[in-house]
Protein backbone atom coordinates (compact mmCIF):
# COMPACT_ATOMS: atom_id res chain seq x y z
CA MET A 1 22.38 10.31 17.27
CA ASN A 2 21.54 6.62 16.94
CA SER A 3 18.31 6.98 18.95
CA LEU A 4 17.26 9.88 16.75
CA ARG A 5 17.80 7.80 13.63
CA SER A 6 15.96 4.85 15.19
CA GLY A 7 13.03 7.11 16.04
CA PHE A 8 12.91 8.35 12.45
CA LEU A 9 12.88 4.78 11.13
CA ASP A 10 10.10 3.83 13.54
CA TYR A 11 8.03 6.84 12.44
CA SER A 12 8.76 6.19 8.77
CA SER A 13 7.85 2.50 9.05
CA SER A 14 4.68 3.30 10.96
CA ARG A 15 3.64 5.86 8.37
CA MET A 16 4.30 3.39 5.54
CA LEU A 17 2.31 0.62 7.23
CA THR A 18 -0.59 3.01 7.80
CA ARG A 19 -0.51 3.98 4.11
CA VAL A 20 -0.31 0.34 2.98
CA LYS A 21 -3.41 -0.47 5.05
CA SER A 22 -5.18 2.56 3.62
CA VAL A 23 -4.26 1.54 0.06
CA TYR A 24 -5.64 -1.95 0.71
CA PHE A 25 -8.94 -0.60 2.06
CA TYR A 26 -9.22 1.90 -0.78
CA ILE A 27 -8.84 -0.88 -3.36
CA LYS A 28 -11.33 -3.02 -1.43
CA GLU A 29 -13.87 -0.19 -1.44
CA CYS A 30 -13.40 0.89 -5.06
CA GLY A 31 -12.81 -2.43 -6.79
CA MET A 32 -10.17 -2.32 -9.51
CA VAL A 33 -8.01 0.82 -9.44
CA SER A 34 -4.93 2.05 -11.28
CA THR A 35 -1.54 2.82 -9.84
CA ILE A 36 -1.96 6.41 -11.04
CA GLU A 37 -5.33 6.72 -9.31
CA LEU A 38 -3.80 5.47 -6.06
CA ALA A 39 -0.88 7.89 -6.30
CA GLU A 40 -3.30 10.78 -6.80
CA GLU A 41 -5.63 9.63 -4.01
CA PHE A 42 -2.77 9.29 -1.51
CA ASP A 43 -0.89 12.36 -2.77
CA THR A 44 2.33 10.47 -3.37
CA THR A 45 4.44 9.27 -6.27
CA ASN A 46 3.71 6.31 -8.51
CA ARG A 47 6.94 4.72 -7.25
CA THR A 48 5.87 4.98 -3.61
CA ILE A 49 2.50 3.43 -4.43
CA GLN A 50 4.26 0.69 -6.39
CA ARG A 51 6.34 -0.17 -3.32
CA ASP A 52 3.15 -0.34 -1.23
CA LEU A 53 1.50 -2.55 -3.84
CA ASN A 54 4.58 -4.80 -3.86
CA VAL A 55 4.13 -5.33 -0.10
CA LEU A 56 0.44 -6.14 -0.57
CA SER A 57 1.12 -8.37 -3.56
CA TYR A 58 3.93 -10.24 -1.79
CA ASN A 59 1.49 -11.01 1.02
CA GLY A 60 -1.16 -12.21 -1.42
CA LEU A 61 -3.59 -9.38 -0.67
CA VAL A 62 -3.75 -7.72 -4.10
CA SER A 63 -3.20 -8.82 -7.67
CA SER A 64 -2.78 -7.08 -10.98
CA PRO A 65 -4.87 -8.86 -13.62
CA THR A 66 -4.17 -6.02 -16.07
CA ARG A 67 -0.93 -4.04 -16.18
CA GLY A 68 -1.28 -0.98 -13.96
CA LYS A 69 -4.64 -2.07 -12.49
CA TRP A 70 -5.05 -3.61 -9.06
CA LYS A 71 -7.74 -5.51 -7.16
CA ILE A 72 -7.87 -7.33 -3.85
CA THR A 73 -7.62 -11.11 -3.68
CA ASP A 74 -9.89 -13.51 -1.82
CA LYS A 75 -7.30 -13.97 0.94
CA LYS A 76 -8.83 -13.39 4.36
CA VAL A 77 -7.36 -10.47 6.27
CA SER A 78 -7.18 -9.79 9.98
CA VAL A 79 -6.56 -6.10 10.58
CA SER A 80 -5.21 -4.71 13.81
């Protein structure tokens, strides 16, 4: 049972990281976007997108100059 749970967490984490990268590139391509726009684009909830944005913000990759609007920062990114 433990290996099944571990496999689920690996898949879930991988899926989240893939989405976070996609969110970053979407913001980079579009400029400033809203949380609602991101949720619609990625067919997920506002809360899920907010968690993704928190990861990006914590790492200095996005900022929110206006409540509910997001843009990328000037921080250099190396993507693998």
